[in-house]
Structures are given as structure tokens and as C-alpha cells.
Amino acid sequence: MTKADIVNEIADKTGIEKVAVQATVEAMMKSIKTSLSNGDNVYLRGFGSFIVKKRAQKTGRNISKNTTIIIPEHNVPAFKPAKVFVEKVKITSKKK
């Protein structure tokens, strides 16, 4: 499912114009990105959490030059689904 599919589905179910739905979806994604880039987590009850995970410094290899490089400590965004969400996916996947 793409962002356009989500916008179309919400517009069909709610009767709101696609332009307004698109603006709302874009604003939500922008808010989540801003919060994560500021180091804040986003919690959506019943859906899941968008969290910032810290990756420790580690040693890597540049295979083409055959050298060792240090990959610095950095943060990455991650999503952790809610238990209710996980259970629903498990139940539906068993039915198929």
C-alpha cells in the first residue's frame, strides 16, 4: 500500500476531499519526522511507537580498499508495533 492508496482509502471512507486528506497525512508524517529528529519518541496507542534507537560505534570493513573503518555512534528511527496490532496481524495471517 502506498501513501496515495492510504489517501484514497481515507477519502472514500470519510467523504473528505483527497486534497485535505493528503495535507493531513503529510502533516502527520512531518510531525513524526520532526519529533524523531529532535530525539523524541512518538506513541500512538493501539498502533505502535516510532522510536529513536542509538547504534553504538563499531568497526566495519571497506571491501574494495581492504581497509578497516570506524562507523561512528548514530541514531536511527525504528517502529515498534503495539501488542494489539501484532495480535491482529498474527490472527489474519493464520486465516490465509
N, C-alpha and C. Protein backbone atom coordinates (compact mmCIF):
# COMPACT_ATOMS: atom_id res chain seq x y z
N MET A 1 0.85 -1.17 0.00
CA MET A 1 0.00 0.00 0.00
C MET A 1 0.89 1.23 0.00
N THR A 2 0.57 2.19 -0.86
CA THR A 2 1.35 3.42 -0.95
C THR A 2 0.63 4.55 -0.23
N LYS A 3 1.30 5.68 -0.12
CA LYS A 3 0.69 6.85 0.51
C LYS A 3 -0.56 7.27 -0.26
N ALA A 4 -0.51 7.20 -1.59
CA ALA A 4 -1.67 7.56 -2.41
C ALA A 4 -2.84 6.62 -2.12
N ASP A 5 -2.55 5.33 -1.94
CA ASP A 5 -3.61 4.37 -1.60
C ASP A 5 -4.25 4.71 -0.25
N ILE A 6 -3.42 5.09 0.71
CA ILE A 6 -3.93 5.47 2.04
C ILE A 6 -4.83 6.69 1.92
N VAL A 7 -4.38 7.69 1.17
CA VAL A 7 -5.17 8.91 0.99
C VAL A 7 -6.50 8.57 0.33
N ASN A 8 -6.48 7.75 -0.71
CA ASN A 8 -7.71 7.37 -1.41
C ASN A 8 -8.67 6.63 -0.48
N GLU A 9 -8.14 5.71 0.31
CA GLU A 9 -8.99 4.93 1.21
C GLU A 9 -9.63 5.80 2.28
N ILE A 10 -8.85 6.70 2.87
CA ILE A 10 -9.40 7.59 3.89
C ILE A 10 -10.44 8.52 3.28
N ALA A 11 -10.17 9.04 2.10
CA ALA A 11 -11.12 9.93 1.43
C ALA A 11 -12.43 9.20 1.13
N ASP A 12 -12.34 7.96 0.68
CA ASP A 12 -13.53 7.17 0.38
C ASP A 12 -14.35 6.87 1.63
N LYS A 13 -13.66 6.53 2.73
CA LYS A 13 -14.36 6.15 3.96
C LYS A 13 -14.96 7.34 4.70
N THR A 14 -14.31 8.51 4.60
CA THR A 14 -14.77 9.66 5.37
C THR A 14 -15.56 10.67 4.55
N GLY A 15 -15.40 10.66 3.25
CA GLY A 15 -16.08 11.65 2.41
C GLY A 15 -15.35 12.99 2.36
N ILE A 16 -14.17 13.05 2.96
CA ILE A 16 -13.36 14.28 2.92
C ILE A 16 -12.61 14.32 1.60
N GLU A 17 -12.40 15.52 1.07
CA GLU A 17 -11.69 15.66 -0.21
C GLU A 17 -10.28 15.11 -0.10
N LYS A 18 -9.81 14.55 -1.21
CA LYS A 18 -8.47 13.94 -1.23
C LYS A 18 -7.38 14.96 -0.92
N VAL A 19 -7.56 16.20 -1.35
CA VAL A 19 -6.55 17.23 -1.10
C VAL A 19 -6.40 17.47 0.40
N ALA A 20 -7.52 17.53 1.10
CA ALA A 20 -7.47 17.75 2.55
C ALA A 20 -6.87 16.54 3.26
N VAL A 21 -7.22 15.35 2.81
CA VAL A 21 -6.67 14.14 3.42
C VAL A 21 -5.16 14.08 3.18
N GLN A 22 -4.74 14.40 1.96
CA GLN A 22 -3.31 14.38 1.63
C GLN A 22 -2.55 15.36 2.53
N ALA A 23 -3.10 16.56 2.72
CA ALA A 23 -2.45 17.55 3.57
C ALA A 23 -2.34 17.06 5.01
N THR A 24 -3.38 16.38 5.48
CA THR A 24 -3.39 15.85 6.84
C THR A 24 -2.34 14.74 7.00
N VAL A 25 -2.30 13.83 6.04
CA VAL A 25 -1.32 12.73 6.10
C VAL A 25 0.10 13.30 6.04
N GLU A 26 0.34 14.27 5.16
CA GLU A 26 1.66 14.89 5.05
C GLU A 26 2.04 15.58 6.37
N ALA A 27 1.07 16.29 6.99
CA ALA A 27 1.34 16.99 8.24
C ALA A 27 1.67 15.99 9.36
N MET A 28 0.96 14.86 9.38
CA MET A 28 1.24 13.84 10.39
C MET A 28 2.65 13.28 10.22
N MET A 29 3.01 12.95 8.99
CA MET A 29 4.34 12.40 8.74
C MET A 29 5.42 13.43 9.07
N LYS A 30 5.17 14.69 8.77
CA LYS A 30 6.14 15.74 9.07
C LYS A 30 6.31 15.89 10.59
N SER A 31 5.21 15.80 11.33
CA SER A 31 5.27 15.90 12.79
C SER A 31 6.08 14.75 13.38
N ILE A 32 5.86 13.53 12.85
CA ILE A 32 6.60 12.37 13.34
C ILE A 32 8.08 12.53 13.03
N LYS A 33 8.41 12.96 11.80
CA LYS A 33 9.82 13.15 11.44
C LYS A 33 10.49 14.20 12.32
N THR A 34 9.78 15.31 12.57
CA THR A 34 10.34 16.38 13.40
C THR A 34 10.59 15.90 14.81
N SER A 35 9.62 15.18 15.38
CA SER A 35 9.77 14.67 16.75
C SER A 35 10.96 13.72 16.85
N LEU A 36 11.08 12.80 15.88
CA LEU A 36 12.18 11.85 15.92
C LEU A 36 13.53 12.54 15.73
N SER A 37 13.58 13.53 14.84
CA SER A 37 14.86 14.21 14.63
C SER A 37 15.26 15.04 15.85
N ASN A 38 14.28 15.41 16.69
CA ASN A 38 14.58 16.12 17.93
C ASN A 38 14.89 15.15 19.07
N GLY A 39 14.84 13.84 18.79
CA GLY A 39 15.15 12.84 19.81
C GLY A 39 13.95 12.41 20.62
N ASP A 40 12.75 12.87 20.26
CA ASP A 40 11.53 12.50 20.98
C ASP A 40 10.86 11.31 20.31
N ASN A 41 10.31 10.40 21.10
CA ASN A 41 9.57 9.27 20.57
C ASN A 41 8.11 9.66 20.36
N VAL A 42 7.42 8.94 19.46
CA VAL A 42 6.01 9.20 19.17
C VAL A 42 5.24 7.92 19.49
N TYR A 43 4.23 8.05 20.37
CA TYR A 43 3.44 6.90 20.80
C TYR A 43 2.02 7.03 20.28
N LEU A 44 1.56 6.04 19.52
CA LEU A 44 0.19 6.02 19.01
C LEU A 44 -0.49 4.78 19.60
N ARG A 45 -1.31 5.00 20.61
CA ARG A 45 -1.95 3.90 21.34
C ARG A 45 -2.75 3.01 20.38
N GLY A 46 -2.55 1.72 20.48
CA GLY A 46 -3.24 0.75 19.66
C GLY A 46 -2.59 0.52 18.30
N PHE A 47 -1.61 1.35 17.95
CA PHE A 47 -0.92 1.21 16.67
C PHE A 47 0.54 0.85 16.88
N GLY A 48 1.27 1.71 17.60
CA GLY A 48 2.67 1.44 17.86
C GLY A 48 3.44 2.69 18.22
N SER A 49 4.74 2.54 18.30
CA SER A 49 5.61 3.65 18.68
C SER A 49 6.71 3.84 17.65
N PHE A 50 6.93 5.09 17.29
CA PHE A 50 8.07 5.46 16.47
C PHE A 50 9.13 5.90 17.46
N ILE A 51 10.26 5.20 17.48
CA ILE A 51 11.28 5.47 18.47
C ILE A 51 12.62 5.74 17.81
N VAL A 52 13.49 6.39 18.58
CA VAL A 52 14.85 6.65 18.13
C VAL A 52 15.76 5.65 18.84
N LYS A 53 16.47 4.84 18.06
CA LYS A 53 17.41 3.87 18.62
C LYS A 53 18.83 4.37 18.42
N LYS A 54 19.65 4.17 19.43
CA LYS A 54 21.05 4.57 19.35
C LYS A 54 21.88 3.37 18.93
N ARG A 55 22.64 3.52 17.87
CA ARG A 55 23.56 2.48 17.41
C ARG A 55 24.95 2.82 17.93
N ALA A 56 25.59 1.86 18.55
CA ALA A 56 26.93 2.08 19.12
C ALA A 56 27.98 2.15 18.01
N GLN A 57 29.11 2.74 18.35
CA GLN A 57 30.23 2.78 17.42
C GLN A 57 30.71 1.37 17.15
N LYS A 58 31.06 1.10 15.90
CA LYS A 58 31.56 -0.24 15.58
C LYS A 58 32.59 -0.17 14.47
N THR A 59 33.29 -1.26 14.30
CA THR A 59 34.32 -1.37 13.27
C THR A 59 33.71 -2.05 12.06
N GLY A 60 33.94 -1.47 10.88
CA GLY A 60 33.46 -2.07 9.64
C GLY A 60 34.61 -2.26 8.67
N ARG A 61 34.31 -2.83 7.52
CA ARG A 61 35.35 -3.08 6.52
C ARG A 61 34.94 -2.48 5.20
N ASN A 62 35.88 -1.81 4.55
CA ASN A 62 35.70 -1.35 3.18
C ASN A 62 36.31 -2.44 2.31
N ILE A 63 35.48 -3.26 1.73
CA ILE A 63 35.96 -4.44 0.99
C ILE A 63 36.76 -4.04 -0.25
N SER A 64 36.32 -2.98 -0.95
CA SER A 64 37.01 -2.61 -2.18
C SER A 64 38.43 -2.12 -1.93
N LYS A 65 38.67 -1.44 -0.81
CA LYS A 65 40.02 -0.96 -0.49
C LYS A 65 40.73 -1.85 0.52
N ASN A 66 40.02 -2.85 1.04
CA ASN A 66 40.57 -3.77 2.03
C ASN A 66 41.11 -3.02 3.25
N THR A 67 40.29 -2.10 3.76
CA THR A 67 40.68 -1.34 4.94
C THR A 67 39.60 -1.44 6.00
N THR A 68 39.99 -1.15 7.22
CA THR A 68 39.06 -1.13 8.34
C THR A 68 38.63 0.32 8.58
N ILE A 69 37.34 0.52 8.80
CA ILE A 69 36.84 1.86 9.09
C ILE A 69 36.04 1.83 10.39
N ILE A 70 35.95 2.97 11.02
CA ILE A 70 35.17 3.10 12.25
C ILE A 70 33.83 3.74 11.86
N ILE A 71 32.76 3.04 12.17
CA ILE A 71 31.42 3.60 11.94
C ILE A 71 31.02 4.27 13.25
N PRO A 72 30.82 5.59 13.24
CA PRO A 72 30.55 6.30 14.48
C PRO A 72 29.17 5.97 15.07
N GLU A 73 29.02 6.29 16.35
CA GLU A 73 27.74 6.13 17.02
C GLU A 73 26.71 7.01 16.32
N HIS A 74 25.50 6.50 16.11
CA HIS A 74 24.48 7.28 15.43
C HIS A 74 23.08 6.81 15.85
N ASN A 75 22.09 7.64 15.57
CA ASN A 75 20.71 7.32 15.89
C ASN A 75 19.97 6.91 14.63
N VAL A 76 19.04 5.96 14.76
CA VAL A 76 18.22 5.54 13.63
C VAL A 76 16.76 5.48 14.07
N PRO A 77 15.83 5.82 13.17
CA PRO A 77 14.41 5.69 13.53
C PRO A 77 13.98 4.23 13.46
N ALA A 78 13.03 3.86 14.30
CA ALA A 78 12.51 2.50 14.31
C ALA A 78 11.03 2.54 14.67
N PHE A 79 10.33 1.47 14.32
CA PHE A 79 8.92 1.35 14.66
C PHE A 79 8.71 0.09 15.47
N LYS A 80 7.99 0.23 16.57
CA LYS A 80 7.65 -0.92 17.41
C LYS A 80 6.13 -1.01 17.47
N PRO A 81 5.55 -2.04 16.84
CA PRO A 81 4.09 -2.14 16.82
C PRO A 81 3.51 -2.46 18.20
N ALA A 82 2.27 -2.01 18.43
CA ALA A 82 1.57 -2.30 19.68
C ALA A 82 1.18 -3.78 19.72
N LYS A 83 1.00 -4.30 20.92
CA LYS A 83 0.63 -5.71 21.08
C LYS A 83 -0.68 -6.03 20.36
N VAL A 84 -1.65 -5.12 20.45
CA VAL A 84 -2.95 -5.32 19.79
C VAL A 84 -2.76 -5.44 18.28
N PHE A 85 -1.90 -4.61 17.74
CA PHE A 85 -1.62 -4.61 16.31
C PHE A 85 -0.95 -5.93 15.90
N VAL A 86 0.03 -6.36 16.66
CA VAL A 86 0.75 -7.59 16.37
C VAL A 86 -0.21 -8.79 16.41
N GLU A 87 -1.06 -8.83 17.42
CA GLU A 87 -2.02 -9.94 17.54
C GLU A 87 -2.98 -9.98 16.37
N LYS A 88 -3.45 -8.81 15.92
CA LYS A 88 -4.37 -8.76 14.78
C LYS A 88 -3.70 -9.28 13.51
N VAL A 89 -2.43 -8.91 13.31
CA VAL A 89 -1.69 -9.39 12.13
C VAL A 89 -1.49 -10.90 12.22
N LYS A 90 -1.18 -11.41 13.40
CA LYS A 90 -0.98 -12.84 13.58
C LYS A 90 -2.26 -13.61 13.26
N ILE A 91 -3.39 -13.11 13.75
CA ILE A 91 -4.67 -13.79 13.53
C ILE A 91 -5.05 -13.79 12.06
N THR A 92 -4.87 -12.63 11.39
CA THR A 92 -5.24 -12.57 9.97
C THR A 92 -4.31 -13.39 9.10
N SER A 93 -3.05 -13.48 9.46
CA SER A 93 -2.12 -14.26 8.64
C SER A 93 -2.39 -15.77 8.79
N LYS A 94 -2.90 -16.20 9.95
CA LYS A 94 -3.24 -17.60 10.14
C LYS A 94 -4.45 -18.01 9.30
N LYS A 95 -5.38 -17.07 9.08
CA LYS A 95 -6.59 -17.36 8.31
C LYS A 95 -6.30 -17.57 6.84
N LYS A 96 -5.23 -16.96 6.34
CA LYS A 96 -4.93 -17.03 4.90
C LYS A 96 -4.23 -18.27 4.54
